[in-house]
């Protein structure tokens, strides 16, 4: 589900509009970065966990510390994304006449375009 907020661009100043657009683009970049970091560092954490159980020469602290280090970048990206989302939400809340709608998309099972991609 996605939330779509609409408002009249003439109802706000150009500085407010550019700030909202900048915050939206920053949030979009943060989401992409978080997804990449979760995928890559999550895989490294799984590999470290498997190798830690296969090779018993390390202490449990060393094994858990390594896994924790691999999980720190996705956690940092997630907290940054939450901070940017709150900032964008505050900016949109300050706009008079803004209307928020929740959009859902359910693909049609007869639609073959998804399979073609």
PDB file of N, CA and C in Angstrom:
ATOM      1  N   UNK A   1       0.833  -1.177   0.000  1.00  0.00           N
ATOM      2  CA  UNK A   1       0.000   0.000   0.000  1.00  0.00           C
ATOM      3  C   UNK A   1       0.877   1.239   0.000  1.00  0.00           C
ATOM      4  N   UNK A   2       0.404   2.227  -0.704  1.00  0.00           N
ATOM      5  CA  UNK A   2       1.094   3.495  -0.753  1.00  0.00           C
ATOM      6  C   UNK A   2       0.144   4.594  -0.344  1.00  0.00           C
ATOM      7  N   UNK A   3       0.693   5.590   0.319  1.00  0.00           N
ATOM      8  CA  UNK A   3      -0.082   6.766   0.676  1.00  0.00           C
ATOM      9  C   UNK A   3       0.248   7.860  -0.330  1.00  0.00           C
ATOM     10  N   UNK A   4      -0.783   8.439  -0.896  1.00  0.00           N
ATOM     11  CA  UNK A   4      -0.624   9.512  -1.876  1.00  0.00           C
ATOM     12  C   UNK A   4      -1.234  10.770  -1.283  1.00  0.00           C
ATOM     13  N   UNK A   5      -0.445  11.823  -1.247  1.00  0.00           N
ATOM     14  CA  UNK A   5      -0.926  13.102  -0.733  1.00  0.00           C
ATOM     15  C   UNK A   5      -1.005  14.075  -1.892  1.00  0.00           C
ATOM     16  N   UNK A   6      -2.157  14.673  -2.050  1.00  0.00           N
ATOM     17  CA  UNK A   6      -2.323  15.644  -3.135  1.00  0.00           C
ATOM     18  C   UNK A   6      -2.685  16.998  -2.544  1.00  0.00           C
ATOM     19  N   UNK A   7      -2.189  18.025  -3.191  1.00  0.00           N
ATOM     20  CA  UNK A   7      -2.490  19.396  -2.787  1.00  0.00           C
ATOM     21  C   UNK A   7      -2.296  20.289  -3.997  1.00  0.00           C
ATOM     22  N   UNK A   8      -2.856  21.452  -3.928  1.00  0.00           N
ATOM     23  CA  UNK A   8      -2.731  22.412  -5.014  1.00  0.00           C
ATOM     24  C   UNK A   8      -1.367  23.095  -4.907  1.00  0.00           C
ATOM     25  N   UNK A   9      -0.597  23.045  -5.981  1.00  0.00           N
ATOM     26  CA  UNK A   9       0.734  23.643  -5.960  1.00  0.00           C
ATOM     27  C   UNK A   9       0.669  25.158  -5.831  1.00  0.00           C
ATOM     28  N   UNK A  10      -0.438  25.756  -6.246  1.00  0.00           N
ATOM     29  CA  UNK A  10      -0.557  27.209  -6.130  1.00  0.00           C
ATOM     30  C   UNK A  10      -0.902  27.640  -4.703  1.00  0.00           C
ATOM     31  N   UNK A  11      -1.261  26.688  -3.838  1.00  0.00           N
ATOM     32  CA  UNK A  11      -1.630  27.021  -2.467  1.00  0.00           C
ATOM     33  C   UNK A  11      -0.416  27.190  -1.563  1.00  0.00           C
ATOM     34  N   UNK A  12       0.763  26.783  -2.027  1.00  0.00           N
ATOM     35  CA  UNK A  12       1.964  26.906  -1.203  1.00  0.00           C
ATOM     36  C   UNK A  12       3.023  27.691  -1.960  1.00  0.00           C
ATOM     37  N   UNK A  13       4.003  28.143  -1.231  1.00  0.00           N
ATOM     38  CA  UNK A  13       5.071  28.925  -1.862  1.00  0.00           C
ATOM     39  C   UNK A  13       6.027  27.997  -2.615  1.00  0.00           C
ATOM     40  N   UNK A  14       6.743  28.531  -3.575  1.00  0.00           N
ATOM     41  CA  UNK A  14       7.708  27.703  -4.305  1.00  0.00           C
ATOM     42  C   UNK A  14       8.788  27.100  -3.402  1.00  0.00           C
ATOM     43  N   UNK A  15       9.159  27.827  -2.333  1.00  0.00           N
ATOM     44  CA  UNK A  15      10.153  27.280  -1.405  1.00  0.00           C
ATOM     45  C   UNK A  15       9.615  26.052  -0.675  1.00  0.00           C
ATOM     46  N   UNK A  16       8.361  26.112  -0.266  1.00  0.00           N
ATOM     47  CA  UNK A  16       7.754  24.949   0.389  1.00  0.00           C
ATOM     48  C   UNK A  16       7.659  23.771  -0.573  1.00  0.00           C
ATOM     49  N   UNK A  17       7.271  24.036  -1.802  1.00  0.00           N
ATOM     50  CA  UNK A  17       7.147  22.964  -2.791  1.00  0.00           C
ATOM     51  C   UNK A  17       8.492  22.317  -3.084  1.00  0.00           C
ATOM     52  N   UNK A  18       9.517  23.136  -3.234  1.00  0.00           N
ATOM     53  CA  UNK A  18      10.846  22.560  -3.490  1.00  0.00           C
ATOM     54  C   UNK A  18      11.349  21.786  -2.274  1.00  0.00           C
ATOM     55  N   UNK A  19      11.023  22.228  -1.076  1.00  0.00           N
ATOM     56  CA  UNK A  19      11.405  21.496   0.128  1.00  0.00           C
ATOM     57  C   UNK A  19      10.700  20.157   0.222  1.00  0.00           C
ATOM     58  N   UNK A  20       9.422  20.131  -0.119  1.00  0.00           N
ATOM     59  CA  UNK A  20       8.661  18.876  -0.105  1.00  0.00           C
ATOM     60  C   UNK A  20       9.211  17.913  -1.143  1.00  0.00           C
ATOM     61  N   UNK A  21       9.504  18.422  -2.330  1.00  0.00           N
ATOM     62  CA  UNK A  21      10.052  17.556  -3.377  1.00  0.00           C
ATOM     63  C   UNK A  21      11.436  17.029  -2.989  1.00  0.00           C
ATOM     64  N   UNK A  22      12.263  17.877  -2.382  1.00  0.00           N
ATOM     65  CA  UNK A  22      13.597  17.438  -1.955  1.00  0.00           C
ATOM     66  C   UNK A  22      13.495  16.361  -0.880  1.00  0.00           C
ATOM     67  N   UNK A  23      12.580  16.557   0.070  1.00  0.00           N
ATOM     68  CA  UNK A  23      12.393  15.545   1.116  1.00  0.00           C
ATOM     69  C   UNK A  23      11.863  14.238   0.539  1.00  0.00           C
ATOM     70  N   UNK A  24      10.972  14.336  -0.437  1.00  0.00           N
ATOM     71  CA  UNK A  24      10.432  13.120  -1.053  1.00  0.00           C
ATOM     72  C   UNK A  24      11.527  12.356  -1.798  1.00  0.00           C
ATOM     73  N   UNK A  25      12.365  13.062  -2.538  1.00  0.00           N
ATOM     74  CA  UNK A  25      13.453  12.403  -3.253  1.00  0.00           C
ATOM     75  C   UNK A  25      14.480  11.811  -2.292  1.00  0.00           C
ATOM     76  N   UNK A  26      14.764  12.518  -1.200  1.00  0.00           N
ATOM     77  CA  UNK A  26      15.700  11.986  -0.202  1.00  0.00           C
ATOM     78  C   UNK A  26      15.139  10.725   0.440  1.00  0.00           C
ATOM     79  N   UNK A  27      13.842  10.709   0.719  1.00  0.00           N
ATOM     80  CA  UNK A  27      13.214   9.520   1.293  1.00  0.00           C
ATOM     81  C   UNK A  27      13.252   8.363   0.311  1.00  0.00           C
ATOM     82  N   UNK A  28      13.017   8.645  -0.958  1.00  0.00           N
ATOM     83  CA  UNK A  28      13.061   7.585  -1.969  1.00  0.00           C
ATOM     84  C   UNK A  28      14.465   6.994  -2.084  1.00  0.00           C
ATOM     85  N   UNK A  29      15.481   7.844  -2.076  1.00  0.00           N
ATOM     86  CA  UNK A  29      16.867   7.353  -2.116  1.00  0.00           C
ATOM     87  C   UNK A  29      17.203   6.542  -0.874  1.00  0.00           C
ATOM     88  N   UNK A  30      16.718   6.984   0.286  1.00  0.00           N
ATOM     89  CA  UNK A  30      16.987   6.248   1.526  1.00  0.00           C
ATOM     90  C   UNK A  30      16.330   4.875   1.496  1.00  0.00           C
ATOM     91  N   UNK A  31      15.139   4.771   0.922  1.00  0.00           N
ATOM     92  CA  UNK A  31      14.480   3.464   0.818  1.00  0.00           C
ATOM     93  C   UNK A  31      15.261   2.524  -0.093  1.00  0.00           C
ATOM     94  N   UNK A  32      15.746   3.052  -1.210  1.00  0.00           N
ATOM     95  CA  UNK A  32      16.534   2.223  -2.128  1.00  0.00           C
ATOM     96  C   UNK A  32      17.810   1.759  -1.445  1.00  0.00           C
ATOM     97  N   UNK A  33      18.485   2.670  -0.747  1.00  0.00           N
ATOM     98  CA  UNK A  33      19.718   2.313  -0.050  1.00  0.00           C
ATOM     99  C   UNK A  33      19.454   1.264   1.030  1.00  0.00           C
ATOM    100  N   UNK A  34      18.374   1.430   1.783  1.00  0.00           N
ATOM    101  CA  UNK A  34      18.055   0.458   2.837  1.00  0.00           C
ATOM    102  C   UNK A  34      17.809  -0.919   2.245  1.00  0.00           C
ATOM    103  N   UNK A  35      17.061  -0.984   1.145  1.00  0.00           N
ATOM    104  CA  UNK A  35      16.800  -2.288   0.522  1.00  0.00           C
ATOM    105  C   UNK A  35      18.092  -2.954   0.048  1.00  0.00           C
ATOM    106  N   UNK A  36      18.979  -2.175  -0.526  1.00  0.00           N
ATOM    107  CA  UNK A  36      20.258  -2.725  -0.975  1.00  0.00           C
ATOM    108  C   UNK A  36      21.097  -3.208   0.213  1.00  0.00           C
ATOM    109  N   UNK A  37      21.146  -2.396   1.262  1.00  0.00           N
ATOM    110  CA  UNK A  37      21.947  -2.779   2.426  1.00  0.00           C
ATOM    111  C   UNK A  37      21.376  -3.999   3.131  1.00  0.00           C
ATOM    112  N   UNK A  38      20.059  -4.081   3.235  1.00  0.00           N
ATOM    113  CA  UNK A  38      19.453  -5.247   3.876  1.00  0.00           C
ATOM    114  C   UNK A  38      19.774  -6.511   3.094  1.00  0.00           C
ATOM    115  N   UNK A  39      19.691  -6.430   1.787  1.00  0.00           N
ATOM    116  CA  UNK A  39      19.982  -7.608   0.962  1.00  0.00           C
ATOM    117  C   UNK A  39      21.443  -8.021   1.088  1.00  0.00           C
ATOM    118  N   UNK A  40      22.333  -7.085   0.902  1.00  0.00           N
ATOM    119  CA  UNK A  40      23.757  -7.422   0.860  1.00  0.00           C
ATOM    120  C   UNK A  40      24.324  -7.757   2.228  1.00  0.00           C
ATOM    121  N   UNK A  41      24.069  -6.915   3.218  1.00  0.00           N
ATOM    122  CA  UNK A  41      24.619  -7.181   4.544  1.00  0.00           C
ATOM    123  C   UNK A  41      23.869  -8.303   5.245  1.00  0.00           C
ATOM    124  N   UNK A  42      22.599  -8.495   4.912  1.00  0.00           N
ATOM    125  CA  UNK A  42      21.876  -9.653   5.454  1.00  0.00           C
ATOM    126  C   UNK A  42      22.477 -10.953   4.974  1.00  0.00           C
ATOM    127  N   UNK A  43      22.840 -10.979   3.705  1.00  0.00           N
ATOM    128  CA  UNK A  43      23.499 -12.167   3.162  1.00  0.00           C
ATOM    129  C   UNK A  43      24.849 -12.389   3.833  1.00  0.00           C
ATOM    130  N   UNK A  44      25.614 -11.325   4.047  1.00  0.00           N
ATOM    131  CA  UNK A  44      26.892 -11.458   4.742  1.00  0.00           C
ATOM    132  C   UNK A  44      26.706 -11.932   6.177  1.00  0.00           C
ATOM    133  N   UNK A  45      25.653 -11.457   6.849  1.00  0.00           N
ATOM    134  CA  UNK A  45      25.392 -11.911   8.222  1.00  0.00           C
ATOM    135  C   UNK A  45      25.040 -13.385   8.246  1.00  0.00           C
ATOM    136  N   UNK A  46      24.273 -13.846   7.273  1.00  0.00           N
ATOM    137  CA  UNK A  46      23.934 -15.272   7.199  1.00  0.00           C
ATOM    138  C   UNK A  46      25.186 -16.104   6.938  1.00  0.00           C
ATOM    139  N   UNK A  47      26.044 -15.630   6.030  1.00  0.00           N
ATOM    140  CA  UNK A  47      27.293 -16.349   5.752  1.00  0.00           C
ATOM    141  C   UNK A  47      28.170 -16.388   7.001  1.00  0.00           C
ATOM    142  N   UNK A  48      28.253 -15.276   7.726  1.00  0.00           N
ATOM    143  CA  UNK A  48      29.052 -15.245   8.951  1.00  0.00           C
ATOM    144  C   UNK A  48      28.478 -16.188  10.000  1.00  0.00           C
ATOM    145  N   UNK A  49      27.151 -16.278  10.090  1.00  0.00           N
ATOM    146  CA  UNK A  49      26.536 -17.192  11.052  1.00  0.00           C
ATOM    147  C   UNK A  49      26.819 -18.636  10.687  1.00  0.00           C
ATOM    148  N   UNK A  50      26.737 -18.957   9.408  1.00  0.00           N
ATOM    149  CA  UNK A  50      27.000 -20.334   8.975  1.00  0.00           C
ATOM    150  C   UNK A  50      28.467 -20.688   9.203  1.00  0.00           C
ATOM    151  N   UNK A  51      29.361 -19.782   8.819  1.00  0.00           N
ATOM    152  CA  UNK A  51      30.784 -20.042   9.017  1.00  0.00           C
ATOM    153  C   UNK A  51      31.145 -20.111  10.504  1.00  0.00           C
ATOM    154  N   UNK A  52      30.453 -19.333  11.319  1.00  0.00           N
ATOM    155  CA  UNK A  52      30.700 -19.373  12.760  1.00  0.00           C
ATOM    156  C   UNK A  52      30.306 -20.696  13.385  1.00  0.00           C
ATOM    157  N   UNK A  53      29.292 -21.335  12.826  1.00  0.00           N
ATOM    158  CA  UNK A  53      28.905 -22.640  13.357  1.00  0.00           C
ATOM    159  C   UNK A  53      29.756 -23.757  12.786  1.00  0.00           C
ATOM    160  N   UNK A  54      30.264 -23.573  11.564  1.00  0.00           N
ATOM    161  CA  UNK A  54      31.104 -24.606  10.947  1.00  0.00           C
ATOM    162  C   UNK A  54      32.490 -24.617  11.596  1.00  0.00           C
ATOM    163  N   UNK A  55      33.087 -23.420  11.717  1.00  0.00           N
ATOM    164  CA  UNK A  55      34.415 -23.315  12.326  1.00  0.00           C
ATOM    165  C   UNK A  55      34.244 -22.926  13.788  1.00  0.00           C
ATOM    166  N   UNK A  56      34.550 -23.828  14.683  1.00  0.00           N
ATOM    167  CA  UNK A  56      34.315 -23.626  16.111  1.00  0.00           C
ATOM    168  C   UNK A  56      35.491 -22.963  16.817  1.00  0.00           C
ATOM    169  N   UNK A  57      36.471 -22.428  16.092  1.00  0.00           N
ATOM    170  CA  UNK A  57      37.659 -21.855  16.712  1.00  0.00           C
ATOM    171  C   UNK A  57      37.439 -20.489  17.342  1.00  0.00           C
ATOM    172  N   UNK A  58      36.326 -19.846  17.052  1.00  0.00           N
ATOM    173  CA  UNK A  58      36.075 -18.503  17.578  1.00  0.00           C
ATOM    174  C   UNK A  58      35.156 -18.576  18.795  1.00  0.00           C
ATOM    175  N   UNK A  59      35.292 -17.585  19.661  1.00  0.00           N
ATOM    176  CA  UNK A  59      34.423 -17.529  20.836  1.00  0.00           C
ATOM    177  C   UNK A  59      33.015 -17.120  20.405  1.00  0.00           C
ATOM    178  N   UNK A  60      32.017 -17.427  21.225  1.00  0.00           N
ATOM    179  CA  UNK A  60      30.648 -16.995  20.874  1.00  0.00           C
ATOM    180  C   UNK A  60      30.529 -15.480  20.755  1.00  0.00           C
ATOM    181  N   UNK A  61      31.285 -14.746  21.589  1.00  0.00           N
ATOM    182  CA  UNK A  61      31.251 -13.285  21.495  1.00  0.00           C
ATOM    183  C   UNK A  61      31.744 -12.823  20.119  1.00  0.00           C
ATOM    184  N   UNK A  62      32.828 -13.408  19.632  1.00  0.00           N
ATOM    185  CA  UNK A  62      33.377 -13.020  18.334  1.00  0.00           C
ATOM    186  C   UNK A  62      32.395 -13.333  17.215  1.00  0.00           C
ATOM    187  N   UNK A  63      31.719 -14.465  17.310  1.00  0.00           N
ATOM    188  CA  UNK A  63      30.739 -14.810  16.277  1.00  0.00           C
ATOM    189  C   UNK A  63      29.565 -13.841  16.275  1.00  0.00           C
ATOM    190  N   UNK A  64      29.014 -13.549  17.453  1.00  0.00           N
ATOM    191  CA  UNK A  64      27.863 -12.637  17.534  1.00  0.00           C
ATOM    192  C   UNK A  64      28.257 -11.200  17.204  1.00  0.00           C
ATOM    193  N   UNK A  65      29.469 -10.821  17.583  1.00  0.00           N
ATOM    194  CA  UNK A  65      29.937  -9.467  17.287  1.00  0.00           C
ATOM    195  C   UNK A  65      30.046  -9.257  15.783  1.00  0.00           C
ATOM    196  N   UNK A  66      30.550 -10.253  15.065  1.00  0.00           N
ATOM    197  CA  UNK A  66      30.660 -10.162  13.606  1.00  0.00           C
ATOM    198  C   UNK A  66      29.290 -10.041  12.965  1.00  0.00           C
ATOM    199  N   UNK A  67      28.346 -10.844  13.418  1.00  0.00           N
ATOM    200  CA  UNK A  67      26.985 -10.771  12.875  1.00  0.00           C
ATOM    201  C   UNK A  67      26.373  -9.404  13.172  1.00  0.00           C
ATOM    202  N   UNK A  68      26.594  -8.913  14.391  1.00  0.00           N
ATOM    203  CA  UNK A  68      26.083  -7.586  14.759  1.00  0.00           C
ATOM    204  C   UNK A  68      26.673  -6.475  13.912  1.00  0.00           C
ATOM    205  N   UNK A  69      27.965  -6.586  13.601  1.00  0.00           N
ATOM    206  CA  UNK A  69      28.586  -5.578  12.746  1.00  0.00           C
ATOM    207  C   UNK A  69      27.986  -5.576  11.348  1.00  0.00           C
ATOM    208  N   UNK A  70      27.656  -6.748  10.851  1.00  0.00           N
ATOM    209  CA  UNK A  70      27.038  -6.815   9.524  1.00  0.00           C
ATOM    210  C   UNK A  70      25.608  -6.278   9.537  1.00  0.00           C
ATOM    211  N   UNK A  71      24.954  -6.289  10.677  1.00  0.00           N
ATOM    212  CA  UNK A  71      23.578  -5.802  10.745  1.00  0.00           C
ATOM    213  C   UNK A  71      23.490  -4.310  11.067  1.00  0.00           C
ATOM    214  N   UNK A  72      24.595  -3.690  11.466  1.00  0.00           N
ATOM    215  CA  UNK A  72      24.567  -2.259  11.783  1.00  0.00           C
ATOM    216  C   UNK A  72      24.235  -1.357  10.592  1.00  0.00           C
ATOM    217  N   UNK A  73      24.818  -1.522   9.401  1.00  0.00           N
ATOM    218  CA  UNK A  73      24.472  -0.620   8.290  1.00  0.00           C
ATOM    219  C   UNK A  73      22.989  -0.646   7.898  1.00  0.00           C
ATOM    220  N   UNK A  74      22.320  -1.828   7.830  1.00  0.00           N
ATOM    221  CA  UNK A  74      20.883  -1.769   7.526  1.00  0.00           C
ATOM    222  C   UNK A  74      20.071  -1.090   8.627  1.00  0.00           C
ATOM    223  N   UNK A  75      20.470  -1.268   9.885  1.00  0.00           N
ATOM    224  CA  UNK A  75      19.748  -0.607  10.979  1.00  0.00           C
ATOM    225  C   UNK A  75      19.934   0.904  10.891  1.00  0.00           C
ATOM    226  N   UNK A  76      21.158   1.342  10.570  1.00  0.00           N
ATOM    227  CA  UNK A  76      21.414   2.771  10.405  1.00  0.00           C
ATOM    228  C   UNK A  76      20.577   3.329   9.252  1.00  0.00           C
ATOM    229  N   UNK A  77      20.511   2.614   8.136  1.00  0.00           N
ATOM    230  CA  UNK A  77      19.729   3.081   6.987  1.00  0.00           C
ATOM    231  C   UNK A  77      18.247   3.132   7.326  1.00  0.00           C
ATOM    232  N   UNK A  78      17.770   2.175   8.117  1.00  0.00           N
ATOM    233  CA  UNK A  78      16.354   2.157   8.499  1.00  0.00           C
ATOM    234  C   UNK A  78      16.017   3.344   9.389  1.00  0.00           C
ATOM    235  N   UNK A  79      16.901   3.662  10.360  1.00  0.00           N
ATOM    236  CA  UNK A  79      16.623   4.814  11.223  1.00  0.00           C
ATOM    237  C   UNK A  79      16.695   6.118  10.437  1.00  0.00           C
ATOM    238  N   UNK A  80      17.596   6.199   9.466  1.00  0.00           N
ATOM    239  CA  UNK A  80      17.654   7.392   8.612  1.00  0.00           C
ATOM    240  C   UNK A  80      16.381   7.527   7.789  1.00  0.00           C
ATOM    241  N   UNK A  81      15.884   6.398   7.287  1.00  0.00           N
ATOM    242  CA  UNK A  81      14.644   6.424   6.512  1.00  0.00           C
ATOM    243  C   UNK A  81      13.466   6.878   7.376  1.00  0.00           C
ATOM    244  N   UNK A  82      13.403   6.397   8.604  1.00  0.00           N
ATOM    245  CA  UNK A  82      12.323   6.826   9.500  1.00  0.00           C
ATOM    246  C   UNK A  82      12.402   8.318   9.800  1.00  0.00           C
ATOM    247  N   UNK A  83      13.612   8.843   9.995  1.00  0.00           N
ATOM    248  CA  UNK A  83      13.793  10.265  10.256  1.00  0.00           C
ATOM    249  C   UNK A  83      13.335  11.100   9.054  1.00  0.00           C
ATOM    250  N   UNK A  84      13.702  10.675   7.848  1.00  0.00           N
ATOM    251  CA  UNK A  84      13.291  11.400   6.644  1.00  0.00           C
ATOM    252  C   UNK A  84      11.784  11.308   6.426  1.00  0.00           C
ATOM    253  N   UNK A  85      11.199  10.152   6.748  1.00  0.00           N
ATOM    254  CA  UNK A  85       9.755   9.996   6.594  1.00  0.00           C
ATOM    255  C   UNK A  85       9.006  10.910   7.558  1.00  0.00           C
ATOM    256  N   UNK A  86       9.503  11.035   8.793  1.00  0.00           N
ATOM    257  CA  UNK A  86       8.871  11.944   9.751  1.00  0.00           C
ATOM    258  C   UNK A  86       8.989  13.393   9.299  1.00  0.00           C
ATOM    259  N   UNK A  87      10.143  13.769   8.740  1.00  0.00           N
ATOM    260  CA  UNK A  87      10.326  15.143   8.282  1.00  0.00           C
ATOM    261  C   UNK A  87       9.383  15.458   7.123  1.00  0.00           C
ATOM    262  N   UNK A  88       9.253  14.523   6.171  1.00  0.00           N
ATOM    263  CA  UNK A  88       8.328  14.735   5.054  1.00  0.00           C
ATOM    264  C   UNK A  88       6.887  14.789   5.553  1.00  0.00           C
ATOM    265  N   UNK A  89       6.554  13.939   6.505  1.00  0.00           N
ATOM    266  CA  UNK A  89       5.196  13.940   7.051  1.00  0.00           C
ATOM    267  C   UNK A  89       4.875  15.271   7.727  1.00  0.00           C
ATOM    268  N   UNK A  90       5.842  15.819   8.465  1.00  0.00           N
ATOM    269  CA  UNK A  90       5.617  17.119   9.106  1.00  0.00           C
ATOM    270  C   UNK A  90       5.428  18.224   8.068  1.00  0.00           C
ATOM    271  N   UNK A  91       6.207  18.183   6.997  1.00  0.00           N
ATOM    272  CA  UNK A  91       6.047  19.199   5.948  1.00  0.00           C
ATOM    273  C   UNK A  91       4.691  19.091   5.267  1.00  0.00           C
ATOM    274  N   UNK A  92       4.258  17.859   5.004  1.00  0.00           N
ATOM    275  CA  UNK A  92       2.958  17.679   4.353  1.00  0.00           C
ATOM    276  C   UNK A  92       1.810  18.037   5.286  1.00  0.00           C
ATOM    277  N   UNK A  93       2.008  17.837   6.580  1.00  0.00           N
ATOM    278  CA  UNK A  93       0.965  18.182   7.544  1.00  0.00           C
ATOM    279  C   UNK A  93       0.763  19.698   7.618  1.00  0.00           C
ATOM    280  N   UNK A  94       1.819  20.456   7.355  1.00  0.00           N
ATOM    281  CA  UNK A  94       1.725  21.911   7.410  1.00  0.00           C
ATOM    282  C   UNK A  94       1.052  22.531   6.189  1.00  0.00           C
ATOM    283  N   UNK A  95       0.842  21.747   5.139  1.00  0.00           N
ATOM    284  CA  UNK A  95       0.216  22.270   3.923  1.00  0.00           C
ATOM    285  C   UNK A  95      -1.296  22.314   4.112  1.00  0.00           C
ATOM    286  N   UNK A  96      -1.879  23.472   3.848  1.00  0.00           N
ATOM    287  CA  UNK A  96      -3.331  23.614   3.952  1.00  0.00           C
ATOM    288  C   UNK A  96      -3.997  22.992   2.732  1.00  0.00           C
ATOM    289  N   UNK A  97      -5.037  22.223   2.942  1.00  0.00           N
ATOM    290  CA  UNK A  97      -5.794  21.615   1.855  1.00  0.00           C
ATOM    291  C   UNK A  97      -5.179  20.349   1.300  1.00  0.00           C
ATOM    292  N   UNK A  98      -4.225  19.772   2.013  1.00  0.00           N
ATOM    293  CA  UNK A  98      -3.611  18.522   1.553  1.00  0.00           C
ATOM    294  C   UNK A  98      -4.543  17.357   1.864  1.00  0.00           C
ATOM    295  N   UNK A  99      -4.709  16.470   0.911  1.00  0.00           N
ATOM    296  CA  UNK A  99      -5.582  15.310   1.064  1.00  0.00           C
ATOM    297  C   UNK A  99      -4.737  14.055   0.887  1.00  0.00           C
ATOM    298  N   UNK A 100      -4.762  13.181   1.891  1.00  0.00           N
ATOM    299  CA  UNK A 100      -3.998  11.933   1.826  1.00  0.00           C
ATOM    300  C   UNK A 100      -4.941  10.776   1.540  1.00  0.00           C
ATOM    301  N   UNK A 101      -4.519   9.898   0.648  1.00  0.00           N
ATOM    302  CA  UNK A 101      -5.307   8.716   0.301  1.00  0.00           C
ATOM    303  C   UNK A 101      -4.385   7.506   0.318  1.00  0.00           C
ATOM    304  N   UNK A 102      -4.932   6.384   0.739  1.00  0.00           N
ATOM    305  CA  UNK A 102      -4.186   5.127   0.733  1.00  0.00           C
ATOM    306  C   UNK A 102      -4.597   4.367  -0.518  1.00  0.00           C
ATOM    307  N   UNK A 103      -3.604   4.016  -1.336  1.00  0.00           N
ATOM    308  CA  UNK A 103      -3.868   3.301  -2.583  1.00  0.00           C
ATOM    309  C   UNK A 103      -3.434   1.855  -2.434  1.00  0.00           C
ATOM    310  N   UNK A 104      -4.294   0.974  -2.846  1.00  0.00           N
ATOM    311  CA  UNK A 104      -3.944  -0.448  -2.855  1.00  0.00           C
ATOM    312  C   UNK A 104      -3.982  -0.932  -4.291  1.00  0.00           C
ATOM    313  N   UNK A 105      -3.158  -1.902  -4.572  1.00  0.00           N
ATOM    314  CA  UNK A 105      -3.113  -2.470  -5.904  1.00  0.00           C
ATOM    315  C   UNK A 105      -3.152  -3.977  -5.775  1.00  0.00           C
ATOM    316  N   UNK A 106      -4.143  -4.570  -6.359  1.00  0.00           N
ATOM    317  CA  UNK A 106      -4.245  -6.016  -6.389  1.00  0.00           C
ATOM    318  C   UNK A 106      -4.199  -6.437  -7.855  1.00  0.00           C
ATOM    319  N   UNK A 107      -3.161  -7.164  -8.240  1.00  0.00           N
ATOM    320  CA  UNK A 107      -3.048  -7.534  -9.653  1.00  0.00           C
ATOM    321  C   UNK A 107      -4.150  -8.495 -10.064  1.00  0.00           C
ATOM    322  N   UNK A 108      -4.585  -8.331 -11.278  1.00  0.00           N
ATOM    323  CA  UNK A 108      -5.592  -9.217 -11.851  1.00  0.00           C
ATOM    324  C   UNK A 108      -4.912 -10.531 -12.212  1.00  0.00           C
ATOM    325  N   UNK A 109      -5.415 -11.666 -11.738  1.00  0.00           N
ATOM    326  CA  UNK A 109      -4.752 -12.945 -12.049  1.00  0.00           C
ATOM    327  C   UNK A 109      -4.758 -13.257 -13.542  1.00  0.00           C
ATOM    328  N   UNK A 110      -5.664 -12.653 -14.290  1.00  0.00           N
ATOM    329  CA  UNK A 110      -5.710 -12.899 -15.734  1.00  0.00           C
ATOM    330  C   UNK A 110      -4.727 -12.025 -16.497  1.00  0.00           C
ATOM    331  N   UNK A 111      -4.108 -11.050 -15.806  1.00  0.00           N
ATOM    332  CA  UNK A 111      -3.190 -10.136 -16.459  1.00  0.00           C
ATOM    333  C   UNK A 111      -1.829 -10.809 -16.627  1.00  0.00           C
ATOM    334  N   UNK A 112      -1.396 -10.967 -17.871  1.00  0.00           N
ATOM    335  CA  UNK A 112      -0.141 -11.669 -18.168  1.00  0.00           C
ATOM    336  C   UNK A 112       1.056 -10.716 -18.282  1.00  0.00           C
ATOM    337  N   UNK A 113       0.842  -9.412 -18.159  1.00  0.00           N
ATOM    338  CA  UNK A 113       1.945  -8.491 -18.320  1.00  0.00           C
ATOM    339  C   UNK A 113       2.979  -8.658 -17.217  1.00  0.00           C
ATOM    340  N   UNK A 114       2.566  -9.044 -16.036  1.00  0.00           N
ATOM    341  CA  UNK A 114       3.520  -9.213 -14.942  1.00  0.00           C
ATOM    342  C   UNK A 114       4.449 -10.388 -15.250  1.00  0.00           C
ATOM    343  N   UNK A 115       3.942 -11.428 -15.826  1.00  0.00           N
ATOM    344  CA  UNK A 115       4.772 -12.598 -16.142  1.00  0.00           C
ATOM    345  C   UNK A 115       5.757 -12.290 -17.267  1.00  0.00           C
ATOM    346  N   UNK A 116       5.390 -11.377 -18.172  1.00  0.00           N
ATOM    347  CA  UNK A 116       6.260 -11.061 -19.295  1.00  0.00           C
ATOM    348  C   UNK A 116       7.493 -10.299 -18.875  1.00  0.00           C
ATOM    349  N   UNK A 117       7.422  -9.569 -17.781  1.00  0.00           N
ATOM    350  CA  UNK A 117       8.571  -8.793 -17.342  1.00  0.00           C
ATOM    351  C   UNK A 117       9.618  -9.731 -16.846  1.00  0.00           C
TER     352      UNK A 117
END
